[in-house]
Amino acid sequence: MADLTILAFELADRYRNPAIVLTDGFVGQMMEPLDLVYREIRAPEKPWAVKGTAGTRQNLISSIVLEPDDLEEHQRRMKQNTFARARPRRAAKSTARKTPN
């Protein structure tokens, strides 16, 4: 089970997905010897990461609007977009013939 946990976190790092280990009391009470093989772990290249350098500045996404007027305008645009998506569409008229029961 330890090797699968290691694999889960390696895959989570590679594919940028979360890894969660769920166990229950039965597994928590098990005792068995565990031999871990230590190996060199190479972190994969992450061109999408923000490293705090000028070269990765374009990867930084910021949606914070701090000025009151800009914030109000942003909220209005968001509200219009939300209502535009939530507006129900009219059903198309059916051209199928009704059959008598």
PDB file of N, CA and C in Angstrom:
ATOM      1  N   MET A   1       0.818  -1.192   0.000  1.00  0.00           N
ATOM      2  CA  MET A   1       0.000   0.000   0.000  1.00  0.00           C
ATOM      3  C   MET A   1       0.864   1.258   0.000  1.00  0.00           C
ATOM      4  N   ALA A   2       2.033   1.178   0.600  1.00  0.00           N
ATOM      5  CA  ALA A   2       2.921   2.344   0.637  1.00  0.00           C
ATOM      6  C   ALA A   2       3.395   2.691  -0.764  1.00  0.00           C
ATOM      7  N   ASP A   3       3.675   1.674  -1.593  1.00  0.00           N
ATOM      8  CA  ASP A   3       4.137   1.960  -2.946  1.00  0.00           C
ATOM      9  C   ASP A   3       3.037   2.609  -3.787  1.00  0.00           C
ATOM     10  N   LEU A   4       1.795   2.227  -3.545  1.00  0.00           N
ATOM     11  CA  LEU A   4       0.692   2.859  -4.264  1.00  0.00           C
ATOM     12  C   LEU A   4       0.471   4.304  -3.810  1.00  0.00           C
ATOM     13  N   THR A   5       0.721   4.569  -2.545  1.00  0.00           N
ATOM     14  CA  THR A   5       0.601   5.939  -2.040  1.00  0.00           C
ATOM     15  C   THR A   5       1.667   6.831  -2.666  1.00  0.00           C
ATOM     16  N   ILE A   6       2.871   6.311  -2.753  1.00  0.00           N
ATOM     17  CA  ILE A   6       3.955   7.066  -3.392  1.00  0.00           C
ATOM     18  C   ILE A   6       3.613   7.336  -4.849  1.00  0.00           C
ATOM     19  N   LEU A   7       3.127   6.307  -5.546  1.00  0.00           N
ATOM     20  CA  LEU A   7       2.752   6.464  -6.944  1.00  0.00           C
ATOM     21  C   LEU A   7       1.622   7.495  -7.105  1.00  0.00           C
ATOM     22  N   ALA A   8       0.650   7.478  -6.204  1.00  0.00           N
ATOM     23  CA  ALA A   8      -0.466   8.415  -6.277  1.00  0.00           C
ATOM     24  C   ALA A   8       0.024   9.862  -6.210  1.00  0.00           C
ATOM     25  N   PHE A   9       0.952  10.133  -5.314  1.00  0.00           N
ATOM     26  CA  PHE A   9       1.440  11.502  -5.177  1.00  0.00           C
ATOM     27  C   PHE A   9       2.362  11.899  -6.321  1.00  0.00           C
ATOM     28  N   GLU A  10       3.111  10.949  -6.873  1.00  0.00           N
ATOM     29  CA  GLU A  10       3.927  11.255  -8.045  1.00  0.00           C
ATOM     30  C   GLU A  10       3.043  11.582  -9.250  1.00  0.00           C
ATOM     31  N   LEU A  11       1.980  10.814  -9.440  1.00  0.00           N
ATOM     32  CA  LEU A  11       1.063  11.082 -10.546  1.00  0.00           C
ATOM     33  C   LEU A  11       0.291  12.381 -10.330  1.00  0.00           C
ATOM     34  N   ALA A  12      -0.048  12.659  -9.089  1.00  0.00           N
ATOM     35  CA  ALA A  12      -0.748  13.911  -8.785  1.00  0.00           C
ATOM     36  C   ALA A  12       0.126  15.113  -9.128  1.00  0.00           C
ATOM     37  N   ASP A  13       1.402  15.005  -8.846  1.00  0.00           N
ATOM     38  CA  ASP A  13       2.318  16.095  -9.177  1.00  0.00           C
ATOM     39  C   ASP A  13       2.491  16.216 -10.688  1.00  0.00           C
ATOM     40  N   ARG A  14       2.583  15.097 -11.377  1.00  0.00           N
ATOM     41  CA  ARG A  14       2.789  15.130 -12.829  1.00  0.00           C
ATOM     42  C   ARG A  14       1.582  15.697 -13.552  1.00  0.00           C
ATOM     43  N   TYR A  15       0.383  15.268 -13.170  1.00  0.00           N
ATOM     44  CA  TYR A  15      -0.831  15.673 -13.887  1.00  0.00           C
ATOM     45  C   TYR A  15      -1.605  16.794 -13.205  1.00  0.00           C
ATOM     46  N   ARG A  16      -1.051  17.364 -12.152  1.00  0.00           N
ATOM     47  CA  ARG A  16      -1.648  18.502 -11.434  1.00  0.00           C
ATOM     48  C   ARG A  16      -3.062  18.198 -10.948  1.00  0.00           C
ATOM     49  N   ASN A  17      -3.214  17.068 -10.330  1.00  0.00           N
ATOM     50  CA  ASN A  17      -4.482  16.666  -9.721  1.00  0.00           C
ATOM     51  C   ASN A  17      -4.234  16.362  -8.254  1.00  0.00           C
ATOM     52  N   PRO A  18      -5.228  16.532  -7.416  1.00  0.00           N
ATOM     53  CA  PRO A  18      -5.023  16.227  -5.999  1.00  0.00           C
ATOM     54  C   PRO A  18      -4.954  14.727  -5.749  1.00  0.00           C
ATOM     55  N   ALA A  19      -4.225  14.362  -4.736  1.00  0.00           N
ATOM     56  CA  ALA A  19      -4.158  12.978  -4.280  1.00  0.00           C
ATOM     57  C   ALA A  19      -4.640  12.952  -2.840  1.00  0.00           C
ATOM     58  N   ILE A  20      -5.539  12.034  -2.548  1.00  0.00           N
ATOM     59  CA  ILE A  20      -6.089  11.905  -1.201  1.00  0.00           C
ATOM     60  C   ILE A  20      -5.966  10.450  -0.788  1.00  0.00           C
ATOM     61  N   VAL A  21      -5.459  10.222   0.396  1.00  0.00           N
ATOM     62  CA  VAL A  21      -5.337   8.865   0.915  1.00  0.00           C
ATOM     63  C   VAL A  21      -6.420   8.681   1.967  1.00  0.00           C
ATOM     64  N   LEU A  22      -7.340   7.788   1.686  1.00  0.00           N
ATOM     65  CA  LEU A  22      -8.426   7.497   2.620  1.00  0.00           C
ATOM     66  C   LEU A  22      -8.213   6.098   3.190  1.00  0.00           C
ATOM     67  N   THR A  23      -8.236   5.994   4.489  1.00  0.00           N
ATOM     68  CA  THR A  23      -8.117   4.690   5.136  1.00  0.00           C
ATOM     69  C   THR A  23      -9.162   4.609   6.241  1.00  0.00           C
ATOM     70  N   ASP A  24      -9.280   3.449   6.798  1.00  0.00           N
ATOM     71  CA  ASP A  24     -10.216   3.287   7.906  1.00  0.00           C
ATOM     72  C   ASP A  24      -9.468   2.763   9.125  1.00  0.00           C
ATOM     73  N   GLY A  25     -10.184   2.521  10.183  1.00  0.00           N
ATOM     74  CA  GLY A  25      -9.567   2.066  11.420  1.00  0.00           C
ATOM     75  C   GLY A  25      -8.873   0.729  11.288  1.00  0.00           C
ATOM     76  N   PHE A  26      -9.398  -0.144  10.442  1.00  0.00           N
ATOM     77  CA  PHE A  26      -8.789  -1.465  10.252  1.00  0.00           C
ATOM     78  C   PHE A  26      -7.387  -1.328   9.673  1.00  0.00           C
ATOM     79  N   VAL A  27      -7.246  -0.493   8.644  1.00  0.00           N
ATOM     80  CA  VAL A  27      -5.936  -0.294   8.042  1.00  0.00           C
ATOM     81  C   VAL A  27      -5.019   0.419   9.028  1.00  0.00           C
ATOM     82  N   GLY A  28      -5.560   1.331   9.805  1.00  0.00           N
ATOM     83  CA  GLY A  28      -4.748   2.062  10.775  1.00  0.00           C
ATOM     84  C   GLY A  28      -4.199   1.180  11.882  1.00  0.00           C
ATOM     85  N   GLN A  29      -4.863   0.069  12.182  1.00  0.00           N
ATOM     86  CA  GLN A  29      -4.418  -0.818  13.241  1.00  0.00           C
ATOM     87  C   GLN A  29      -3.502  -1.935  12.746  1.00  0.00           C
ATOM     88  N   MET A  30      -3.335  -2.044  11.443  1.00  0.00           N
ATOM     89  CA  MET A  30      -2.474  -3.099  10.897  1.00  0.00           C
ATOM     90  C   MET A  30      -1.018  -2.789  11.212  1.00  0.00           C
ATOM     91  N   MET A  31      -0.274  -3.821  11.477  1.00  0.00           N
ATOM     92  CA  MET A  31       1.156  -3.661  11.716  1.00  0.00           C
ATOM     93  C   MET A  31       1.868  -4.688  10.861  1.00  0.00           C
ATOM     94  N   GLU A  32       2.776  -4.223  10.053  1.00  0.00           N
ATOM     95  CA  GLU A  32       3.594  -5.127   9.259  1.00  0.00           C
ATOM     96  C   GLU A  32       4.893  -4.411   8.938  1.00  0.00           C
ATOM     97  N   PRO A  33       5.934  -5.163   8.690  1.00  0.00           N
ATOM     98  CA  PRO A  33       7.203  -4.506   8.363  1.00  0.00           C
ATOM     99  C   PRO A  33       7.115  -3.812   7.008  1.00  0.00           C
ATOM    100  N   LEU A  34       7.816  -2.711   6.900  1.00  0.00           N
ATOM    101  CA  LEU A  34       7.781  -1.932   5.669  1.00  0.00           C
ATOM    102  C   LEU A  34       9.207  -1.599   5.276  1.00  0.00           C
ATOM    103  N   ASP A  35       9.585  -2.032   4.104  1.00  0.00           N
ATOM    104  CA  ASP A  35      10.904  -1.722   3.563  1.00  0.00           C
ATOM    105  C   ASP A  35      10.723  -0.733   2.421  1.00  0.00           C
ATOM    106  N   LEU A  36      11.128   0.500   2.654  1.00  0.00           N
ATOM    107  CA  LEU A  36      11.058   1.514   1.611  1.00  0.00           C
ATOM    108  C   LEU A  36      12.383   1.554   0.861  1.00  0.00           C
ATOM    109  N   VAL A  37      12.285   1.556  -0.438  1.00  0.00           N
ATOM    110  CA  VAL A  37      13.465   1.669  -1.280  1.00  0.00           C
ATOM    111  C   VAL A  37      13.661   3.143  -1.588  1.00  0.00           C
ATOM    112  N   TYR A  38      14.757   3.686  -1.124  1.00  0.00           N
ATOM    113  CA  TYR A  38      15.030   5.090  -1.378  1.00  0.00           C
ATOM    114  C   TYR A  38      15.595   5.234  -2.779  1.00  0.00           C
ATOM    115  N   ARG A  39      15.059   6.174  -3.496  1.00  0.00           N
ATOM    116  CA  ARG A  39      15.511   6.398  -4.864  1.00  0.00           C
ATOM    117  C   ARG A  39      15.550   7.891  -5.138  1.00  0.00           C
ATOM    118  N   GLU A  40      16.290   8.241  -6.136  1.00  0.00           N
ATOM    119  CA  GLU A  40      16.403   9.642  -6.537  1.00  0.00           C
ATOM    120  C   GLU A  40      15.104  10.066  -7.195  1.00  0.00           C
ATOM    121  N   ILE A  41      14.514  11.131  -6.708  1.00  0.00           N
ATOM    122  CA  ILE A  41      13.268  11.631  -7.283  1.00  0.00           C
ATOM    123  C   ILE A  41      13.594  12.907  -8.037  1.00  0.00           C
ATOM    124  N   ARG A  42      13.302  12.879  -9.319  1.00  0.00           N
ATOM    125  CA  ARG A  42      13.506  14.070 -10.139  1.00  0.00           C
ATOM    126  C   ARG A  42      12.164  14.760 -10.307  1.00  0.00           C
ATOM    127  N   ALA A  43      12.112  15.990  -9.884  1.00  0.00           N
ATOM    128  CA  ALA A  43      10.874  16.757 -10.039  1.00  0.00           C
ATOM    129  C   ALA A  43      10.699  17.087 -11.520  1.00  0.00           C
ATOM    130  N   PRO A  44       9.496  16.870 -12.057  1.00  0.00           N
ATOM    131  CA  PRO A  44       9.276  17.187 -13.469  1.00  0.00           C
ATOM    132  C   PRO A  44       9.347  18.690 -13.707  1.00  0.00           C
ATOM    133  N   GLU A  45       9.726  19.061 -14.917  1.00  0.00           N
ATOM    134  CA  GLU A  45       9.766  20.475 -15.282  1.00  0.00           C
ATOM    135  C   GLU A  45       8.350  21.030 -15.258  1.00  0.00           C
ATOM    136  N   LYS A  46       8.179  22.204 -14.686  1.00  0.00           N
ATOM    137  CA  LYS A  46       6.856  22.811 -14.560  1.00  0.00           C
ATOM    138  C   LYS A  46       6.888  24.207 -15.170  1.00  0.00           C
ATOM    139  N   PRO A  47       6.717  24.278 -16.504  1.00  0.00           N
ATOM    140  CA  PRO A  47       6.761  25.598 -17.137  1.00  0.00           C
ATOM    141  C   PRO A  47       5.586  26.482 -16.753  1.00  0.00           C
ATOM    142  N   TRP A  48       4.537  25.916 -16.190  1.00  0.00           N
ATOM    143  CA  TRP A  48       3.345  26.659 -15.800  1.00  0.00           C
ATOM    144  C   TRP A  48       3.477  27.276 -14.411  1.00  0.00           C
ATOM    145  N   ALA A  49       4.489  26.884 -13.654  1.00  0.00           N
ATOM    146  CA  ALA A  49       4.607  27.317 -12.259  1.00  0.00           C
ATOM    147  C   ALA A  49       5.090  28.756 -12.157  1.00  0.00           C
ATOM    148  N   VAL A  50       4.703  29.416 -11.088  1.00  0.00           N
ATOM    149  CA  VAL A  50       5.202  30.750 -10.770  1.00  0.00           C
ATOM    150  C   VAL A  50       6.328  30.559  -9.762  1.00  0.00           C
ATOM    151  N   LYS A  51       7.534  30.947 -10.170  1.00  0.00           N
ATOM    152  CA  LYS A  51       8.711  30.711  -9.331  1.00  0.00           C
ATOM    153  C   LYS A  51       9.221  31.974  -8.652  1.00  0.00           C
ATOM    154  N   GLY A  52       8.522  33.095  -8.859  1.00  0.00           N
ATOM    155  CA  GLY A  52       8.950  34.330  -8.237  1.00  0.00           C
ATOM    156  C   GLY A  52      10.020  35.060  -9.031  1.00  0.00           C
ATOM    157  N   THR A  53      10.228  34.645 -10.267  1.00  0.00           N
ATOM    158  CA  THR A  53      11.210  35.303 -11.120  1.00  0.00           C
ATOM    159  C   THR A  53      10.488  36.097 -12.198  1.00  0.00           C
ATOM    160  N   ALA A  54      11.237  36.980 -12.847  1.00  0.00           N
ATOM    161  CA  ALA A  54      10.635  37.785 -13.916  1.00  0.00           C
ATOM    162  C   ALA A  54      10.204  36.913 -15.088  1.00  0.00           C
ATOM    163  N   GLY A  55      10.901  35.802 -15.322  1.00  0.00           N
ATOM    164  CA  GLY A  55      10.566  34.918 -16.436  1.00  0.00           C
ATOM    165  C   GLY A  55       9.241  34.196 -16.272  1.00  0.00           C
ATOM    166  N   THR A  56       8.787  34.026 -15.046  1.00  0.00           N
ATOM    167  CA  THR A  56       7.520  33.318 -14.818  1.00  0.00           C
ATOM    168  C   THR A  56       6.398  34.272 -14.416  1.00  0.00           C
ATOM    169  N   ARG A  57       6.628  35.549 -14.561  1.00  0.00           N
ATOM    170  CA  ARG A  57       5.612  36.540 -14.194  1.00  0.00           C
ATOM    171  C   ARG A  57       4.326  36.365 -15.004  1.00  0.00           C
ATOM    172  N   GLN A  58       4.435  35.978 -16.284  1.00  0.00           N
ATOM    173  CA  GLN A  58       3.249  35.821 -17.124  1.00  0.00           C
ATOM    174  C   GLN A  58       2.382  34.648 -16.663  1.00  0.00           C
ATOM    175  N   ASN A  59       2.887  33.768 -15.834  1.00  0.00           N
ATOM    176  CA  ASN A  59       2.102  32.649 -15.320  1.00  0.00           C
ATOM    177  C   ASN A  59       1.213  33.050 -14.150  1.00  0.00           C
ATOM    178  N   LEU A  60       1.426  34.212 -13.604  1.00  0.00           N
ATOM    179  CA  LEU A  60       0.674  34.675 -12.437  1.00  0.00           C
ATOM    180  C   LEU A  60      -0.709  35.158 -12.861  1.00  0.00           C
ATOM    181  N   ILE A  61      -1.717  34.628 -12.242  1.00  0.00           N
ATOM    182  CA  ILE A  61      -3.094  35.033 -12.518  1.00  0.00           C
ATOM    183  C   ILE A  61      -3.615  35.757 -11.287  1.00  0.00           C
ATOM    184  N   SER A  62      -4.066  36.966 -11.483  1.00  0.00           N
ATOM    185  CA  SER A  62      -4.588  37.743 -10.377  1.00  0.00           C
ATOM    186  C   SER A  62      -5.938  38.318 -10.779  1.00  0.00           C
ATOM    187  N   SER A  63      -6.938  38.087  -9.974  1.00  0.00           N
ATOM    188  CA  SER A  63      -8.269  38.616 -10.266  1.00  0.00           C
ATOM    189  C   SER A  63      -8.742  39.541  -9.152  1.00  0.00           C
ATOM    190  N   ILE A  64      -7.823  40.071  -8.412  1.00  0.00           N
ATOM    191  CA  ILE A  64      -8.188  40.936  -7.305  1.00  0.00           C
ATOM    192  C   ILE A  64      -8.451  42.351  -7.831  1.00  0.00           C
ATOM    193  N   VAL A  65      -9.612  42.873  -7.550  1.00  0.00           N
ATOM    194  CA  VAL A  65      -9.973  44.238  -7.929  1.00  0.00           C
ATOM    195  C   VAL A  65     -10.112  45.025  -6.631  1.00  0.00           C
ATOM    196  N   LEU A  66      -9.218  45.989  -6.428  1.00  0.00           N
ATOM    197  CA  LEU A  66      -9.192  46.691  -5.152  1.00  0.00           C
ATOM    198  C   LEU A  66      -9.820  48.077  -5.187  1.00  0.00           C
ATOM    199  N   GLU A  67      -9.822  48.727  -6.323  1.00  0.00           N
ATOM    200  CA  GLU A  67     -10.403  50.060  -6.401  1.00  0.00           C
ATOM    201  C   GLU A  67     -11.922  49.956  -6.376  1.00  0.00           C
ATOM    202  N   PRO A  68     -12.618  50.746  -5.565  1.00  0.00           N
ATOM    203  CA  PRO A  68     -14.074  50.628  -5.433  1.00  0.00           C
ATOM    204  C   PRO A  68     -14.834  50.772  -6.752  1.00  0.00           C
ATOM    205  N   ASP A  69     -14.450  51.739  -7.591  1.00  0.00           N
ATOM    206  CA  ASP A  69     -15.157  51.927  -8.860  1.00  0.00           C
ATOM    207  C   ASP A  69     -14.927  50.748  -9.803  1.00  0.00           C
ATOM    208  N   ASP A  70     -13.680  50.269  -9.850  1.00  0.00           N
ATOM    209  CA  ASP A  70     -13.372  49.115 -10.695  1.00  0.00           C
ATOM    210  C   ASP A  70     -14.087  47.862 -10.185  1.00  0.00           C
ATOM    211  N   LEU A  71     -14.148  47.714  -8.867  1.00  0.00           N
ATOM    212  CA  LEU A  71     -14.828  46.566  -8.282  1.00  0.00           C
ATOM    213  C   LEU A  71     -16.311  46.582  -8.622  1.00  0.00           C
ATOM    214  N   GLU A  72     -16.928  47.743  -8.549  1.00  0.00           N
ATOM    215  CA  GLU A  72     -18.350  47.844  -8.865  1.00  0.00           C
ATOM    216  C   GLU A  72     -18.603  47.500 -10.336  1.00  0.00           C
ATOM    217  N   GLU A  73     -17.772  47.996 -11.227  1.00  0.00           N
ATOM    218  CA  GLU A  73     -17.917  47.686 -12.653  1.00  0.00           C
ATOM    219  C   GLU A  73     -17.703  46.188 -12.909  1.00  0.00           C
ATOM    220  N   HIS A  74     -16.737  45.604 -12.232  1.00  0.00           N
ATOM    221  CA  HIS A  74     -16.486  44.167 -12.347  1.00  0.00           C
ATOM    222  C   HIS A  74     -17.707  43.369 -11.889  1.00  0.00           C
ATOM    223  N   GLN A  75     -18.309  43.764 -10.782  1.00  0.00           N
ATOM    224  CA  GLN A  75     -19.493  43.076 -10.268  1.00  0.00           C
ATOM    225  C   GLN A  75     -20.660  43.180 -11.250  1.00  0.00           C
ATOM    226  N   ARG A  76     -20.826  44.328 -11.871  1.00  0.00           N
ATOM    227  CA  ARG A  76     -21.903  44.494 -12.853  1.00  0.00           C
ATOM    228  C   ARG A  76     -21.709  43.576 -14.053  1.00  0.00           C
ATOM    229  N   ARG A  77     -20.475  43.496 -14.544  1.00  0.00           N
ATOM    230  CA  ARG A  77     -20.199  42.602 -15.678  1.00  0.00           C
ATOM    231  C   ARG A  77     -20.454  41.150 -15.292  1.00  0.00           C
ATOM    232  N   MET A  78     -20.038  40.752 -14.086  1.00  0.00           N
ATOM    233  CA  MET A  78     -20.254  39.377 -13.629  1.00  0.00           C
ATOM    234  C   MET A  78     -21.742  39.081 -13.519  1.00  0.00           C
ATOM    235  N   LYS A  79     -22.510  40.039 -13.015  1.00  0.00           N
ATOM    236  CA  LYS A  79     -23.947  39.849 -12.861  1.00  0.00           C
ATOM    237  C   LYS A  79     -24.619  39.698 -14.219  1.00  0.00           C
ATOM    238  N   GLN A  80     -24.229  40.518 -15.198  1.00  0.00           N
ATOM    239  CA  GLN A  80     -24.792  40.403 -16.542  1.00  0.00           C
ATOM    240  C   GLN A  80     -24.460  39.052 -17.159  1.00  0.00           C
ATOM    241  N   ASN A  81     -23.236  38.590 -16.990  1.00  0.00           N
ATOM    242  CA  ASN A  81     -22.838  37.293 -17.538  1.00  0.00           C
ATOM    243  C   ASN A  81     -23.611  36.160 -16.879  1.00  0.00           C
ATOM    244  N   THR A  82     -23.827  36.261 -15.583  1.00  0.00           N
ATOM    245  CA  THR A  82     -24.553  35.210 -14.865  1.00  0.00           C
ATOM    246  C   THR A  82     -26.002  35.158 -15.318  1.00  0.00           C
ATOM    247  N   PHE A  83     -26.643  36.326 -15.434  1.00  0.00           N
ATOM    248  CA  PHE A  83     -28.035  36.342 -15.875  1.00  0.00           C
ATOM    249  C   PHE A  83     -28.167  35.903 -17.322  1.00  0.00           C
ATOM    250  N   ALA A  84     -27.190  36.223 -18.152  1.00  0.00           N
ATOM    251  CA  ALA A  84     -27.249  35.816 -19.555  1.00  0.00           C
ATOM    252  C   ALA A  84     -27.188  34.300 -19.670  1.00  0.00           C
ATOM    253  N   ARG A  85     -26.395  33.653 -18.835  1.00  0.00           N
ATOM    254  CA  ARG A  85     -26.295  32.187 -18.869  1.00  0.00           C
ATOM    255  C   ARG A  85     -27.494  31.521 -18.220  1.00  0.00           C
ATOM    256  N   ALA A  86     -28.113  32.179 -17.242  1.00  0.00           N
ATOM    257  CA  ALA A  86     -29.212  31.570 -16.495  1.00  0.00           C
ATOM    258  C   ALA A  86     -30.564  31.762 -17.171  1.00  0.00           C
ATOM    259  N   ARG A  87     -30.628  32.606 -18.181  1.00  0.00           N
ATOM    260  CA  ARG A  87     -31.894  32.881 -18.854  1.00  0.00           C
ATOM    261  C   ARG A  87     -32.389  31.609 -19.537  1.00  0.00           C
ATOM    262  N   PRO A  88     -33.631  31.174 -19.234  1.00  0.00           N
ATOM    263  CA  PRO A  88     -34.134  29.937 -19.855  1.00  0.00           C
ATOM    264  C   PRO A  88     -34.367  30.140 -21.345  1.00  0.00           C
ATOM    265  N   ARG A  89     -34.092  29.095 -22.096  1.00  0.00           N
ATOM    266  CA  ARG A  89     -34.316  29.149 -23.538  1.00  0.00           C
ATOM    267  C   ARG A  89     -35.696  28.626 -23.851  1.00  0.00           C
ATOM    268  N   ARG A  90     -36.276  29.188 -24.893  1.00  0.00           N
ATOM    269  CA  ARG A  90     -37.597  28.714 -25.294  1.00  0.00           C
ATOM    270  C   ARG A  90     -37.462  27.373 -25.972  1.00  0.00           C
ATOM    271  N   ALA A  91     -38.393  26.512 -25.683  1.00  0.00           N
ATOM    272  CA  ALA A  91     -38.382  25.185 -26.294  1.00  0.00           C
ATOM    273  C   ALA A  91     -38.821  25.302 -27.750  1.00  0.00           C
ATOM    274  N   ALA A  92     -38.155  24.544 -28.615  1.00  0.00           N
ATOM    275  CA  ALA A  92     -38.521  24.549 -30.031  1.00  0.00           C
ATOM    276  C   ALA A  92     -39.827  23.798 -30.200  1.00  0.00           C
ATOM    277  N   LYS A  93     -40.631  24.247 -31.162  1.00  0.00           N
ATOM    278  CA  LYS A  93     -41.883  23.567 -31.419  1.00  0.00           C
ATOM    279  C   LYS A  93     -41.599  22.213 -32.027  1.00  0.00           C
ATOM    280  N   SER A  94     -42.304  21.237 -31.536  1.00  0.00           N
ATOM    281  CA  SER A  94     -42.115  19.881 -32.013  1.00  0.00           C
ATOM    282  C   SER A  94     -42.835  19.701 -33.339  1.00  0.00           C
ATOM    283  N   THR A  95     -42.164  19.076 -34.302  1.00  0.00           N
ATOM    284  CA  THR A  95     -42.748  18.811 -35.603  1.00  0.00           C
ATOM    285  C   THR A  95     -43.200  17.364 -35.720  1.00  0.00           C
ATOM    286  N   ALA A  96     -43.010  16.595 -34.656  1.00  0.00           N
ATOM    287  CA  ALA A  96     -43.429  15.190 -34.689  1.00  0.00           C
ATOM    288  C   ALA A  96     -44.954  15.099 -34.604  1.00  0.00           C
ATOM    289  N   ARG A  97     -45.500  14.137 -35.345  1.00  0.00           N
ATOM    290  CA  ARG A  97     -46.958  13.950 -35.309  1.00  0.00           C
ATOM    291  C   ARG A  97     -47.371  13.230 -34.045  1.00  0.00           C
ATOM    292  N   LYS A  98     -48.506  13.614 -33.544  1.00  0.00           N
ATOM    293  CA  LYS A  98     -49.043  12.937 -32.375  1.00  0.00           C
ATOM    294  C   LYS A  98     -49.828  11.726 -32.852  1.00  0.00           C
ATOM    295  N   THR A  99     -49.619  10.627 -32.139  1.00  0.00           N
ATOM    296  CA  THR A  99     -50.353   9.404 -32.478  1.00  0.00           C
ATOM    297  C   THR A  99     -51.522   9.258 -31.524  1.00  0.00           C
ATOM    298  N   PRO A 100     -52.643   8.822 -32.021  1.00  0.00           N
ATOM    299  CA  PRO A 100     -53.808   8.641 -31.126  1.00  0.00           C
ATOM    300  C   PRO A 100     -53.569   7.466 -30.168  1.00  0.00           C
ATOM    301  N   ASN A 101     -54.059   7.604 -28.970  1.00  0.00           N
ATOM    302  CA  ASN A 101     -53.900   6.536 -27.959  1.00  0.00           C
ATOM    303  C   ASN A 101     -54.945   5.490 -28.096  1.00  0.00           C
TER     304      ASN A 101
END
